[in-house]
Amino acid sequence: MVLLENEAFLSELTRLFQKSRNAGSLYITMKRYDGKIKPKPRPSKLAANPIPPVSEYKCLIRAHVGNKKLSTVINAKDVNKFQLAYANLLKGNMDGLKKKDKKKVGTSTKATQ
């Protein structure tokens, strides 16, 4: 997994969208990130050394197509700027989606006869 800066992530994400047009699917996940990379300790150890509360949460975004993986971490102060650029990127690249087939709800032939 490659951790990129916000601008580089958006440019690489554009490349992943182009790559996924031909074959494959692009998966994007977004989650809250507190900056910790170690797991939470057991309750017995937690009582002895309590964890201080997180002052500011961040946002972790991951994207992957096949075995190509990207990720970025967005600080709270940069969320608005990133969200605008991200929304424009999604709007420009969502044209390759397939339309869902609607099934016709019709009466059966036996009921009409």
PDB file of N, CA and C in Angstrom:
ATOM      1  N   MET A   1       0.856  -1.166   0.000  1.00  0.00           N
ATOM      2  CA  MET A   1       0.000   0.000   0.000  1.00  0.00           C
ATOM      3  C   MET A   1       0.901   1.226   0.000  1.00  0.00           C
ATOM      4  N   VAL A   2       0.612   2.136  -0.889  1.00  0.00           N
ATOM      5  CA  VAL A   2       1.409   3.344  -1.035  1.00  0.00           C
ATOM      6  C   VAL A   2       0.657   4.500  -0.382  1.00  0.00           C
ATOM      7  N   LEU A   3       1.284   5.140   0.602  1.00  0.00           N
ATOM      8  CA  LEU A   3       0.696   6.302   1.260  1.00  0.00           C
ATOM      9  C   LEU A   3       1.174   7.556   0.543  1.00  0.00           C
ATOM     10  N   LEU A   4       0.239   8.295  -0.048  1.00  0.00           N
ATOM     11  CA  LEU A   4       0.568   9.468  -0.855  1.00  0.00           C
ATOM     12  C   LEU A   4       0.047  10.742  -0.210  1.00  0.00           C
ATOM     13  N   GLU A   5       0.578  11.864  -0.675  1.00  0.00           N
ATOM     14  CA  GLU A   5       0.028  13.163  -0.293  1.00  0.00           C
ATOM     15  C   GLU A   5      -1.322  13.335  -0.995  1.00  0.00           C
ATOM     16  N   ASN A   6      -2.114  14.282  -0.538  1.00  0.00           N
ATOM     17  CA  ASN A   6      -3.470  14.445  -1.049  1.00  0.00           C
ATOM     18  C   ASN A   6      -3.516  14.721  -2.552  1.00  0.00           C
ATOM     19  N   GLU A   7      -2.668  15.631  -3.036  1.00  0.00           N
ATOM     20  CA  GLU A   7      -2.679  15.982  -4.462  1.00  0.00           C
ATOM     21  C   GLU A   7      -2.218  14.807  -5.315  1.00  0.00           C
ATOM     22  N   ALA A   8      -1.183  14.119  -4.878  1.00  0.00           N
ATOM     23  CA  ALA A   8      -0.673  12.970  -5.624  1.00  0.00           C
ATOM     24  C   ALA A   8      -1.691  11.832  -5.626  1.00  0.00           C
ATOM     25  N   PHE A   9      -2.416  11.684  -4.525  1.00  0.00           N
ATOM     26  CA  PHE A   9      -3.451  10.652  -4.447  1.00  0.00           C
ATOM     27  C   PHE A   9      -4.539  10.899  -5.481  1.00  0.00           C
ATOM     28  N   LEU A  10      -4.969  12.145  -5.617  1.00  0.00           N
ATOM     29  CA  LEU A  10      -6.018  12.464  -6.581  1.00  0.00           C
ATOM     30  C   LEU A  10      -5.566  12.216  -8.021  1.00  0.00           C
ATOM     31  N   SER A  11      -4.314  12.541  -8.325  1.00  0.00           N
ATOM     32  CA  SER A  11      -3.825  12.305  -9.684  1.00  0.00           C
ATOM     33  C   SER A  11      -3.675  10.807  -9.957  1.00  0.00           C
ATOM     34  N   GLU A  12      -3.230  10.039  -8.976  1.00  0.00           N
ATOM     35  CA  GLU A  12      -3.125   8.590  -9.156  1.00  0.00           C
ATOM     36  C   GLU A  12      -4.509   7.946  -9.219  1.00  0.00           C
ATOM     37  N   LEU A  13      -5.455   8.511  -8.487  1.00  0.00           N
ATOM     38  CA  LEU A  13      -6.821   7.992  -8.522  1.00  0.00           C
ATOM     39  C   LEU A  13      -7.436   8.179  -9.906  1.00  0.00           C
ATOM     40  N   THR A  14      -7.092   9.282 -10.566  1.00  0.00           N
ATOM     41  CA  THR A  14      -7.544   9.498 -11.936  1.00  0.00           C
ATOM     42  C   THR A  14      -7.001   8.408 -12.848  1.00  0.00           C
ATOM     43  N   ARG A  15      -5.746   8.035 -12.654  1.00  0.00           N
ATOM     44  CA  ARG A  15      -5.153   6.958 -13.457  1.00  0.00           C
ATOM     45  C   ARG A  15      -5.843   5.618 -13.176  1.00  0.00           C
ATOM     46  N   LEU A  16      -6.193   5.390 -11.902  1.00  0.00           N
ATOM     47  CA  LEU A  16      -6.881   4.144 -11.569  1.00  0.00           C
ATOM     48  C   LEU A  16      -8.269   4.089 -12.203  1.00  0.00           C
ATOM     49  N   PHE A  17      -8.954   5.233 -12.267  1.00  0.00           N
ATOM     50  CA  PHE A  17     -10.252   5.270 -12.938  1.00  0.00           C
ATOM     51  C   PHE A  17     -10.092   4.909 -14.412  1.00  0.00           C
ATOM     52  N   GLN A  18      -9.066   5.434 -15.067  1.00  0.00           N
ATOM     53  CA  GLN A  18      -8.832   5.128 -16.479  1.00  0.00           C
ATOM     54  C   GLN A  18      -8.504   3.646 -16.658  1.00  0.00           C
ATOM     55  N   LYS A  19      -7.734   3.093 -15.728  1.00  0.00           N
ATOM     56  CA  LYS A  19      -7.358   1.683 -15.803  1.00  0.00           C
ATOM     57  C   LYS A  19      -8.574   0.781 -15.599  1.00  0.00           C
ATOM     58  N   SER A  20      -9.493   1.197 -14.741  1.00  0.00           N
ATOM     59  CA  SER A  20     -10.651   0.353 -14.448  1.00  0.00           C
ATOM     60  C   SER A  20     -11.727   0.425 -15.526  1.00  0.00           C
ATOM     61  N   ARG A  21     -11.634   1.376 -16.438  1.00  0.00           N
ATOM     62  CA  ARG A  21     -12.619   1.457 -17.526  1.00  0.00           C
ATOM     63  C   ARG A  21     -12.550   0.229 -18.421  1.00  0.00           C
ATOM     64  N   ASN A  22     -11.347  -0.236 -18.704  1.00  0.00           N
ATOM     65  CA  ASN A  22     -11.173  -1.368 -19.601  1.00  0.00           C
ATOM     66  C   ASN A  22     -11.569  -2.679 -18.936  1.00  0.00           C
ATOM     67  N   ALA A  23     -11.077  -2.894 -17.738  1.00  0.00           N
ATOM     68  CA  ALA A  23     -11.369  -4.146 -17.049  1.00  0.00           C
ATOM     69  C   ALA A  23     -11.176  -3.950 -15.552  1.00  0.00           C
ATOM     70  N   GLY A  24     -12.028  -4.581 -14.794  1.00  0.00           N
ATOM     71  CA  GLY A  24     -11.878  -4.538 -13.354  1.00  0.00           C
ATOM     72  C   GLY A  24     -12.764  -3.497 -12.702  1.00  0.00           C
ATOM     73  N   SER A  25     -12.742  -3.506 -11.388  1.00  0.00           N
ATOM     74  CA  SER A  25     -13.528  -2.573 -10.594  1.00  0.00           C
ATOM     75  C   SER A  25     -12.617  -1.776  -9.688  1.00  0.00           C
ATOM     76  N   LEU A  26     -13.020  -0.551  -9.422  1.00  0.00           N
ATOM     77  CA  LEU A  26     -12.279   0.323  -8.526  1.00  0.00           C
ATOM     78  C   LEU A  26     -13.009   0.354  -7.195  1.00  0.00           C
ATOM     79  N   TYR A  27     -12.305   0.048  -6.131  1.00  0.00           N
ATOM     80  CA  TYR A  27     -12.879   0.047  -4.790  1.00  0.00           C
ATOM     81  C   TYR A  27     -12.283   1.199  -4.004  1.00  0.00           C
ATOM     82  N   ILE A  28     -13.144   1.988  -3.369  1.00  0.00           N
ATOM     83  CA  ILE A  28     -12.704   3.124  -2.563  1.00  0.00           C
ATOM     84  C   ILE A  28     -13.318   2.976  -1.181  1.00  0.00           C
ATOM     85  N   THR A  29     -12.481   3.101  -0.155  1.00  0.00           N
ATOM     86  CA  THR A  29     -12.968   3.067   1.223  1.00  0.00           C
ATOM     87  C   THR A  29     -12.515   4.329   1.935  1.00  0.00           C
ATOM     88  N   MET A  30     -13.362   4.765   2.855  1.00  0.00           N
ATOM     89  CA  MET A  30     -13.076   5.971   3.621  1.00  0.00           C
ATOM     90  C   MET A  30     -13.429   5.690   5.077  1.00  0.00           C
ATOM     91  N   LYS A  31     -12.540   6.018   6.000  1.00  0.00           N
ATOM     92  CA  LYS A  31     -12.831   5.776   7.401  1.00  0.00           C
ATOM     93  C   LYS A  31     -12.124   6.770   8.300  1.00  0.00           C
ATOM     94  N   ARG A  32     -12.617   6.876   9.521  1.00  0.00           N
ATOM     95  CA  ARG A  32     -12.003   7.757  10.504  1.00  0.00           C
ATOM     96  C   ARG A  32     -10.697   7.138  10.974  1.00  0.00           C
ATOM     97  N   TYR A  33      -9.697   7.973  11.156  1.00  0.00           N
ATOM     98  CA  TYR A  33      -8.352   7.507  11.497  1.00  0.00           C
ATOM     99  C   TYR A  33      -7.833   8.363  12.635  1.00  0.00           C
ATOM    100  N   ASP A  34      -7.378   7.706  13.686  1.00  0.00           N
ATOM    101  CA  ASP A  34      -6.891   8.457  14.843  1.00  0.00           C
ATOM    102  C   ASP A  34      -5.375   8.609  14.866  1.00  0.00           C
ATOM    103  N   GLY A  35      -4.683   8.096  13.876  1.00  0.00           N
ATOM    104  CA  GLY A  35      -3.241   8.261  13.783  1.00  0.00           C
ATOM    105  C   GLY A  35      -2.448   7.166  14.466  1.00  0.00           C
ATOM    106  N   LYS A  36      -3.117   6.224  15.093  1.00  0.00           N
ATOM    107  CA  LYS A  36      -2.422   5.145  15.798  1.00  0.00           C
ATOM    108  C   LYS A  36      -2.299   3.941  14.883  1.00  0.00           C
ATOM    109  N   ILE A  37      -1.131   3.304  14.952  1.00  0.00           N
ATOM    110  CA  ILE A  37      -0.904   2.136  14.116  1.00  0.00           C
ATOM    111  C   ILE A  37      -0.813   0.856  14.943  1.00  0.00           C
ATOM    112  N   LYS A  38      -0.791   0.988  16.261  1.00  0.00           N
ATOM    113  CA  LYS A  38      -0.739  -0.184  17.127  1.00  0.00           C
ATOM    114  C   LYS A  38      -2.144  -0.530  17.597  1.00  0.00           C
ATOM    115  N   PRO A  39      -2.421  -1.811  17.835  1.00  0.00           N
ATOM    116  CA  PRO A  39      -3.746  -2.182  18.326  1.00  0.00           C
ATOM    117  C   PRO A  39      -3.952  -1.745  19.777  1.00  0.00           C
ATOM    118  N   LYS A  40      -5.200  -1.698  20.204  1.00  0.00           N
ATOM    119  CA  LYS A  40      -5.506  -1.324  21.581  1.00  0.00           C
ATOM    120  C   LYS A  40      -4.990  -2.408  22.524  1.00  0.00           C
ATOM    121  N   PRO A  41      -4.413  -2.024  23.679  1.00  0.00           N
ATOM    122  CA  PRO A  41      -3.940  -3.034  24.625  1.00  0.00           C
ATOM    123  C   PRO A  41      -5.092  -3.728  25.340  1.00  0.00           C
ATOM    124  N   ARG A  42      -4.781  -4.833  25.981  1.00  0.00           N
ATOM    125  CA  ARG A  42      -5.778  -5.584  26.725  1.00  0.00           C
ATOM    126  C   ARG A  42      -6.272  -4.758  27.910  1.00  0.00           C
ATOM    127  N   PRO A  43      -7.478  -5.050  28.377  1.00  0.00           N
ATOM    128  CA  PRO A  43      -8.026  -4.260  29.491  1.00  0.00           C
ATOM    129  C   PRO A  43      -7.154  -4.259  30.751  1.00  0.00           C
ATOM    130  N   SER A  44      -6.452  -5.356  31.017  1.00  0.00           N
ATOM    131  CA  SER A  44      -5.600  -5.404  32.211  1.00  0.00           C
ATOM    132  C   SER A  44      -4.422  -4.425  32.086  1.00  0.00           C
ATOM    133  N   LYS A  45      -3.830  -4.332  30.909  1.00  0.00           N
ATOM    134  CA  LYS A  45      -2.727  -3.392  30.682  1.00  0.00           C
ATOM    135  C   LYS A  45      -3.252  -1.968  30.511  1.00  0.00           C
ATOM    136  N   LEU A  46      -4.469  -1.848  30.025  1.00  0.00           N
ATOM    137  CA  LEU A  46      -5.066  -0.534  29.819  1.00  0.00           C
ATOM    138  C   LEU A  46      -5.342   0.166  31.141  1.00  0.00           C
ATOM    139  N   ALA A  47      -5.669  -0.595  32.185  1.00  0.00           N
ATOM    140  CA  ALA A  47      -5.922  -0.012  33.504  1.00  0.00           C
ATOM    141  C   ALA A  47      -4.643   0.597  34.074  1.00  0.00           C
ATOM    142  N   ALA A  48      -3.509  -0.020  33.811  1.00  0.00           N
ATOM    143  CA  ALA A  48      -2.232   0.476  34.340  1.00  0.00           C
ATOM    144  C   ALA A  48      -1.744   1.700  33.570  1.00  0.00           C
ATOM    145  N   ASN A  49      -1.887   1.700  32.254  1.00  0.00           N
ATOM    146  CA  ASN A  49      -1.437   2.801  31.393  1.00  0.00           C
ATOM    147  C   ASN A  49      -2.594   3.252  30.505  1.00  0.00           C
ATOM    148  N   PRO A  50      -3.442   4.168  30.966  1.00  0.00           N
ATOM    149  CA  PRO A  50      -4.573   4.587  30.130  1.00  0.00           C
ATOM    150  C   PRO A  50      -4.106   5.361  28.902  1.00  0.00           C
ATOM    151  N   ILE A  51      -4.873   5.202  27.829  1.00  0.00           N
ATOM    152  CA  ILE A  51      -4.562   5.882  26.570  1.00  0.00           C
ATOM    153  C   ILE A  51      -5.168   7.278  26.610  1.00  0.00           C
ATOM    154  N   PRO A  52      -4.368   8.303  26.305  1.00  0.00           N
ATOM    155  CA  PRO A  52      -4.945   9.653  26.284  1.00  0.00           C
ATOM    156  C   PRO A  52      -5.920   9.796  25.113  1.00  0.00           C
ATOM    157  N   PRO A  53      -6.968  10.600  25.262  1.00  0.00           N
ATOM    158  CA  PRO A  53      -7.925  10.755  24.156  1.00  0.00           C
ATOM    159  C   PRO A  53      -7.295  11.476  22.973  1.00  0.00           C
ATOM    160  N   VAL A  54      -7.815  11.177  21.796  1.00  0.00           N
ATOM    161  CA  VAL A  54      -7.303  11.769  20.561  1.00  0.00           C
ATOM    162  C   VAL A  54      -7.827  13.195  20.452  1.00  0.00           C
ATOM    163  N   SER A  55      -6.921  14.147  20.201  1.00  0.00           N
ATOM    164  CA  SER A  55      -7.340  15.545  20.111  1.00  0.00           C
ATOM    165  C   SER A  55      -7.980  15.860  18.760  1.00  0.00           C
ATOM    166  N   GLU A  56      -7.508  15.216  17.689  1.00  0.00           N
ATOM    167  CA  GLU A  56      -8.032  15.497  16.351  1.00  0.00           C
ATOM    168  C   GLU A  56      -8.012  14.222  15.519  1.00  0.00           C
ATOM    169  N   TYR A  57      -9.165  13.880  14.954  1.00  0.00           N
ATOM    170  CA  TYR A  57      -9.236  12.726  14.077  1.00  0.00           C
ATOM    171  C   TYR A  57      -8.884  13.125  12.653  1.00  0.00           C
ATOM    172  N   LYS A  58      -8.450  12.134  11.889  1.00  0.00           N
ATOM    173  CA  LYS A  58      -8.114  12.332  10.481  1.00  0.00           C
ATOM    174  C   LYS A  58      -8.998  11.415   9.651  1.00  0.00           C
ATOM    175  N   CYS A  59      -8.873  11.499   8.361  1.00  0.00           N
ATOM    176  CA  CYS A  59      -9.659  10.671   7.455  1.00  0.00           C
ATOM    177  C   CYS A  59      -8.691   9.856   6.595  1.00  0.00           C
ATOM    178  N   LEU A  60      -8.893   8.558   6.569  1.00  0.00           N
ATOM    179  CA  LEU A  60      -8.063   7.650   5.777  1.00  0.00           C
ATOM    180  C   LEU A  60      -8.872   7.211   4.566  1.00  0.00           C
ATOM    181  N   ILE A  61      -8.311   7.395   3.377  1.00  0.00           N
ATOM    182  CA  ILE A  61      -8.973   6.983   2.143  1.00  0.00           C
ATOM    183  C   ILE A  61      -8.060   6.000   1.424  1.00  0.00           C
ATOM    184  N   ARG A  62      -8.652   4.878   1.045  1.00  0.00           N
ATOM    185  CA  ARG A  62      -7.917   3.850   0.309  1.00  0.00           C
ATOM    186  C   ARG A  62      -8.623   3.573  -0.998  1.00  0.00           C
ATOM    187  N   ALA A  63      -7.845   3.248  -2.021  1.00  0.00           N
ATOM    188  CA  ALA A  63      -8.402   2.869  -3.325  1.00  0.00           C
ATOM    189  C   ALA A  63      -7.556   1.740  -3.893  1.00  0.00           C
ATOM    190  N   HIS A  64      -8.231   0.781  -4.546  1.00  0.00           N
ATOM    191  CA  HIS A  64      -7.456  -0.276  -5.195  1.00  0.00           C
ATOM    192  C   HIS A  64      -8.192  -0.836  -6.397  1.00  0.00           C
ATOM    193  N   VAL A  65      -7.394  -1.178  -7.394  1.00  0.00           N
ATOM    194  CA  VAL A  65      -7.829  -1.877  -8.600  1.00  0.00           C
ATOM    195  C   VAL A  65      -6.889  -3.052  -8.747  1.00  0.00           C
ATOM    196  N   GLY A  66      -7.418  -4.248  -8.625  1.00  0.00           N
ATOM    197  CA  GLY A  66      -6.562  -5.432  -8.718  1.00  0.00           C
ATOM    198  C   GLY A  66      -5.547  -5.425  -7.598  1.00  0.00           C
ATOM    199  N   ASN A  67      -4.267  -5.407  -7.951  1.00  0.00           N
ATOM    200  CA  ASN A  67      -3.231  -5.383  -6.923  1.00  0.00           C
ATOM    201  C   ASN A  67      -2.579  -4.014  -6.771  1.00  0.00           C
ATOM    202  N   LYS A  68      -3.071  -3.002  -7.452  1.00  0.00           N
ATOM    203  CA  LYS A  68      -2.570  -1.627  -7.330  1.00  0.00           C
ATOM    204  C   LYS A  68      -3.347  -0.936  -6.221  1.00  0.00           C
ATOM    205  N   LYS A  69      -2.649  -0.527  -5.149  1.00  0.00           N
ATOM    206  CA  LYS A  69      -3.307   0.058  -3.982  1.00  0.00           C
ATOM    207  C   LYS A  69      -2.739   1.432  -3.675  1.00  0.00           C
ATOM    208  N   LEU A  70      -3.630   2.365  -3.312  1.00  0.00           N
ATOM    209  CA  LEU A  70      -3.251   3.722  -2.932  1.00  0.00           C
ATOM    210  C   LEU A  70      -3.950   4.094  -1.639  1.00  0.00           C
ATOM    211  N   SER A  71      -3.357   5.005  -0.886  1.00  0.00           N
ATOM    212  CA  SER A  71      -4.019   5.519   0.305  1.00  0.00           C
ATOM    213  C   SER A  71      -3.497   6.915   0.604  1.00  0.00           C
ATOM    214  N   THR A  72      -4.302   7.670   1.354  1.00  0.00           N
ATOM    215  CA  THR A  72      -3.913   8.998   1.803  1.00  0.00           C
ATOM    216  C   THR A  72      -4.596   9.278   3.125  1.00  0.00           C
ATOM    217  N   VAL A  73      -3.989  10.169   3.907  1.00  0.00           N
ATOM    218  CA  VAL A  73      -4.546  10.603   5.189  1.00  0.00           C
ATOM    219  C   VAL A  73      -4.803  12.098   5.076  1.00  0.00           C
ATOM    220  N   ILE A  74      -6.029  12.509   5.421  1.00  0.00           N
ATOM    221  CA  ILE A  74      -6.424  13.912   5.308  1.00  0.00           C
ATOM    222  C   ILE A  74      -6.596  14.492   6.694  1.00  0.00           C
ATOM    223  N   ASN A  75      -5.932  15.599   6.955  1.00  0.00           N
ATOM    224  CA  ASN A  75      -6.090  16.288   8.230  1.00  0.00           C
ATOM    225  C   ASN A  75      -7.438  16.990   8.275  1.00  0.00           C
ATOM    226  N   ALA A  76      -7.902  17.285   9.479  1.00  0.00           N
ATOM    227  CA  ALA A  76      -9.221  17.899   9.649  1.00  0.00           C
ATOM    228  C   ALA A  76      -9.302  19.269   8.984  1.00  0.00           C
ATOM    229  N   LYS A  77      -8.208  20.008   8.984  1.00  0.00           N
ATOM    230  CA  LYS A  77      -8.240  21.345   8.392  1.00  0.00           C
ATOM    231  C   LYS A  77      -8.270  21.316   6.864  1.00  0.00           C
ATOM    232  N   ASP A  78      -7.859  20.209   6.250  1.00  0.00           N
ATOM    233  CA  ASP A  78      -7.806  20.088   4.796  1.00  0.00           C
ATOM    234  C   ASP A  78      -9.004  19.364   4.193  1.00  0.00           C
ATOM    235  N   VAL A  79      -9.968  18.981   5.012  1.00  0.00           N
ATOM    236  CA  VAL A  79     -11.073  18.156   4.531  1.00  0.00           C
ATOM    237  C   VAL A  79     -11.900  18.878   3.477  1.00  0.00           C
ATOM    238  N   ASN A  80     -12.251  20.129   3.686  1.00  0.00           N
ATOM    239  CA  ASN A  80     -13.096  20.851   2.733  1.00  0.00           C
ATOM    240  C   ASN A  80     -12.439  20.982   1.365  1.00  0.00           C
ATOM    241  N   LYS A  81     -11.179  21.342   1.353  1.00  0.00           N
ATOM    242  CA  LYS A  81     -10.446  21.496   0.088  1.00  0.00           C
ATOM    243  C   LYS A  81     -10.351  20.154  -0.651  1.00  0.00           C
ATOM    244  N   PHE A  82     -10.030  19.100   0.091  1.00  0.00           N
ATOM    245  CA  PHE A  82      -9.903  17.782  -0.518  1.00  0.00           C
ATOM    246  C   PHE A  82     -11.257  17.286  -1.018  1.00  0.00           C
ATOM    247  N   GLN A  83     -12.310  17.529  -0.240  1.00  0.00           N
ATOM    248  CA  GLN A  83     -13.634  17.029  -0.603  1.00  0.00           C
ATOM    249  C   GLN A  83     -14.126  17.645  -1.910  1.00  0.00           C
ATOM    250  N   LEU A  84     -13.846  18.912  -2.131  1.00  0.00           N
ATOM    251  CA  LEU A  84     -14.236  19.556  -3.386  1.00  0.00           C
ATOM    252  C   LEU A  84     -13.503  18.943  -4.573  1.00  0.00           C
ATOM    253  N   ALA A  85     -12.200  18.747  -4.428  1.00  0.00           N
ATOM    254  CA  ALA A  85     -11.413  18.156  -5.512  1.00  0.00           C
ATOM    255  C   ALA A  85     -11.823  16.703  -5.755  1.00  0.00           C
ATOM    256  N   TYR A  86     -12.097  15.981  -4.691  1.00  0.00           N
ATOM    257  CA  TYR A  86     -12.507  14.574  -4.783  1.00  0.00           C
ATOM    258  C   TYR A  86     -13.869  14.451  -5.456  1.00  0.00           C
ATOM    259  N   ALA A  87     -14.802  15.332  -5.110  1.00  0.00           N
ATOM    260  CA  ALA A  87     -16.137  15.303  -5.713  1.00  0.00           C
ATOM    261  C   ALA A  87     -16.065  15.586  -7.213  1.00  0.00           C
ATOM    262  N   ASN A  88     -15.250  16.553  -7.605  1.00  0.00           N
ATOM    263  CA  ASN A  88     -15.082  16.850  -9.032  1.00  0.00           C
ATOM    264  C   ASN A  88     -14.481  15.665  -9.778  1.00  0.00           C
ATOM    265  N   LEU A  89     -13.545  14.987  -9.152  1.00  0.00           N
ATOM    266  CA  LEU A  89     -12.926  13.811  -9.758  1.00  0.00           C
ATOM    267  C   LEU A  89     -13.953  12.705  -9.943  1.00  0.00           C
ATOM    268  N   LEU A  90     -14.779  12.472  -8.943  1.00  0.00           N
ATOM    269  CA  LEU A  90     -15.798  11.431  -9.044  1.00  0.00           C
ATOM    270  C   LEU A  90     -16.836  11.762 -10.111  1.00  0.00           C
ATOM    271  N   LYS A  91     -17.259  13.031 -10.167  1.00  0.00           N
ATOM    272  CA  LYS A  91     -18.248  13.435 -11.173  1.00  0.00           C
ATOM    273  C   LYS A  91     -17.721  13.234 -12.585  1.00  0.00           C
ATOM    274  N   GLY A  92     -16.458  13.494 -12.786  1.00  0.00           N
ATOM    275  CA  GLY A  92     -15.873  13.359 -14.115  1.00  0.00           C
ATOM    276  C   GLY A  92     -15.630  11.934 -14.547  1.00  0.00           C
ATOM    277  N   ASN A  93     -15.532  11.007 -13.589  1.00  0.00           N
ATOM    278  CA  ASN A  93     -15.167   9.635 -13.935  1.00  0.00           C
ATOM    279  C   ASN A  93     -16.257   8.613 -13.685  1.00  0.00           C
ATOM    280  N   MET A  94     -17.438   9.034 -13.330  1.00  0.00           N
ATOM    281  CA  MET A  94     -18.523   8.093 -13.066  1.00  0.00           C
ATOM    282  C   MET A  94     -19.366   7.804 -14.295  1.00  0.00           C
ATOM    283  N   ASP A  95     -18.887   8.136 -15.477  1.00  0.00           N
ATOM    284  CA  ASP A  95     -19.686   7.928 -16.682  1.00  0.00           C
ATOM    285  C   ASP A  95     -19.603   6.500 -17.209  1.00  0.00           C
ATOM    286  N   GLY A  96     -18.728   5.684 -16.678  1.00  0.00           N
ATOM    287  CA  GLY A  96     -18.579   4.319 -17.159  1.00  0.00           C
ATOM    288  C   GLY A  96     -19.467   3.322 -16.447  1.00  0.00           C
ATOM    289  N   LEU A  97     -20.371   3.792 -15.604  1.00  0.00           N
ATOM    290  CA  LEU A  97     -21.225   2.880 -14.870  1.00  0.00           C
ATOM    291  C   LEU A  97     -22.287   2.276 -15.781  1.00  0.00           C
ATOM    292  N   LYS A  98     -22.641   1.041 -15.507  1.00  0.00           N
ATOM    293  CA  LYS A  98     -23.668   0.371 -16.290  1.00  0.00           C
ATOM    294  C   LYS A  98     -25.024   0.678 -15.668  1.00  0.00           C
ATOM    295  N   LYS A  99     -26.021   0.838 -16.523  1.00  0.00           N
ATOM    296  CA  LYS A  99     -27.380   1.100 -16.041  1.00  0.00           C
ATOM    297  C   LYS A  99     -28.009  -0.200 -15.583  1.00  0.00           C
ATOM    298  N   LYS A 100     -28.779  -0.098 -14.538  1.00  0.00           N
ATOM    299  CA  LYS A 100     -29.448  -1.262 -13.989  1.00  0.00           C
ATOM    300  C   LYS A 100     -30.683  -1.567 -14.825  1.00  0.00           C
ATOM    301  N   ASP A 101     -30.852  -2.822 -15.201  1.00  0.00           N
ATOM    302  CA  ASP A 101     -32.017  -3.220 -15.988  1.00  0.00           C
ATOM    303  C   ASP A 101     -33.241  -3.272 -15.093  1.00  0.00           C
ATOM    304  N   LYS A 102     -34.297  -2.624 -15.536  1.00  0.00           N
ATOM    305  CA  LYS A 102     -35.559  -2.655 -14.797  1.00  0.00           C
ATOM    306  C   LYS A 102     -36.399  -3.799 -15.339  1.00  0.00           C
ATOM    307  N   LYS A 103     -36.924  -4.587 -14.436  1.00  0.00           N
ATOM    308  CA  LYS A 103     -37.776  -5.695 -14.845  1.00  0.00           C
ATOM    309  C   LYS A 103     -39.190  -5.171 -15.025  1.00  0.00           C
ATOM    310  N   LYS A 104     -39.828  -5.610 -16.087  1.00  0.00           N
ATOM    311  CA  LYS A 104     -41.200  -5.178 -16.352  1.00  0.00           C
ATOM    312  C   LYS A 104     -42.147  -5.946 -15.435  1.00  0.00           C
ATOM    313  N   VAL A 105     -43.017  -5.199 -14.818  1.00  0.00           N
ATOM    314  CA  VAL A 105     -44.037  -5.813 -13.974  1.00  0.00           C
ATOM    315  C   VAL A 105     -45.294  -5.907 -14.820  1.00  0.00           C
ATOM    316  N   GLY A 106     -45.556  -7.079 -15.327  1.00  0.00           N
ATOM    317  CA  GLY A 106     -46.704  -7.264 -16.209  1.00  0.00           C
ATOM    318  C   GLY A 106     -47.653  -8.297 -15.650  1.00  0.00           C
ATOM    319  N   THR A 107     -48.858  -8.293 -16.158  1.00  0.00           N
ATOM    320  CA  THR A 107     -49.820  -9.294 -15.731  1.00  0.00           C
ATOM    321  C   THR A 107     -49.558 -10.586 -16.488  1.00  0.00           C
ATOM    322  N   SER A 108     -49.851 -11.662 -15.859  1.00  0.00           N
ATOM    323  CA  SER A 108     -49.634 -12.945 -16.525  1.00  0.00           C
ATOM    324  C   SER A 108     -50.720 -13.165 -17.585  1.00  0.00           C
ATOM    325  N   THR A 109     -50.453 -13.997 -18.542  1.00  0.00           N
ATOM    326  CA  THR A 109     -51.413 -14.235 -19.632  1.00  0.00           C
ATOM    327  C   THR A 109     -52.603 -15.044 -19.159  1.00  0.00           C
ATOM    328  N   LYS A 110     -52.436 -15.881 -18.135  1.00  0.00           N
ATOM    329  CA  LYS A 110     -53.543 -16.694 -17.627  1.00  0.00           C
ATOM    330  C   LYS A 110     -54.589 -15.824 -16.933  1.00  0.00           C
ATOM    331  N   ALA A 111     -54.152 -14.769 -16.273  1.00  0.00           N
ATOM    332  CA  ALA A 111     -55.089 -13.916 -15.554  1.00  0.00           C
ATOM    333  C   ALA A 111     -55.984 -13.142 -16.513  1.00  0.00           C
ATOM    334  N   THR A 112     -55.486 -12.818 -17.687  1.00  0.00           N
ATOM    335  CA  THR A 112     -56.273 -12.040 -18.640  1.00  0.00           C
ATOM    336  C   THR A 112     -57.213 -12.920 -19.462  1.00  0.00           C
ATOM    337  N   GLN A 113     -56.945 -14.209 -19.540  1.00  0.00           N
ATOM    338  CA  GLN A 113     -57.761 -15.093 -20.368  1.00  0.00           C
ATOM    339  C   GLN A 113     -58.942 -15.631 -19.660  1.00  0.00           C
TER     340      GLN A 113
END
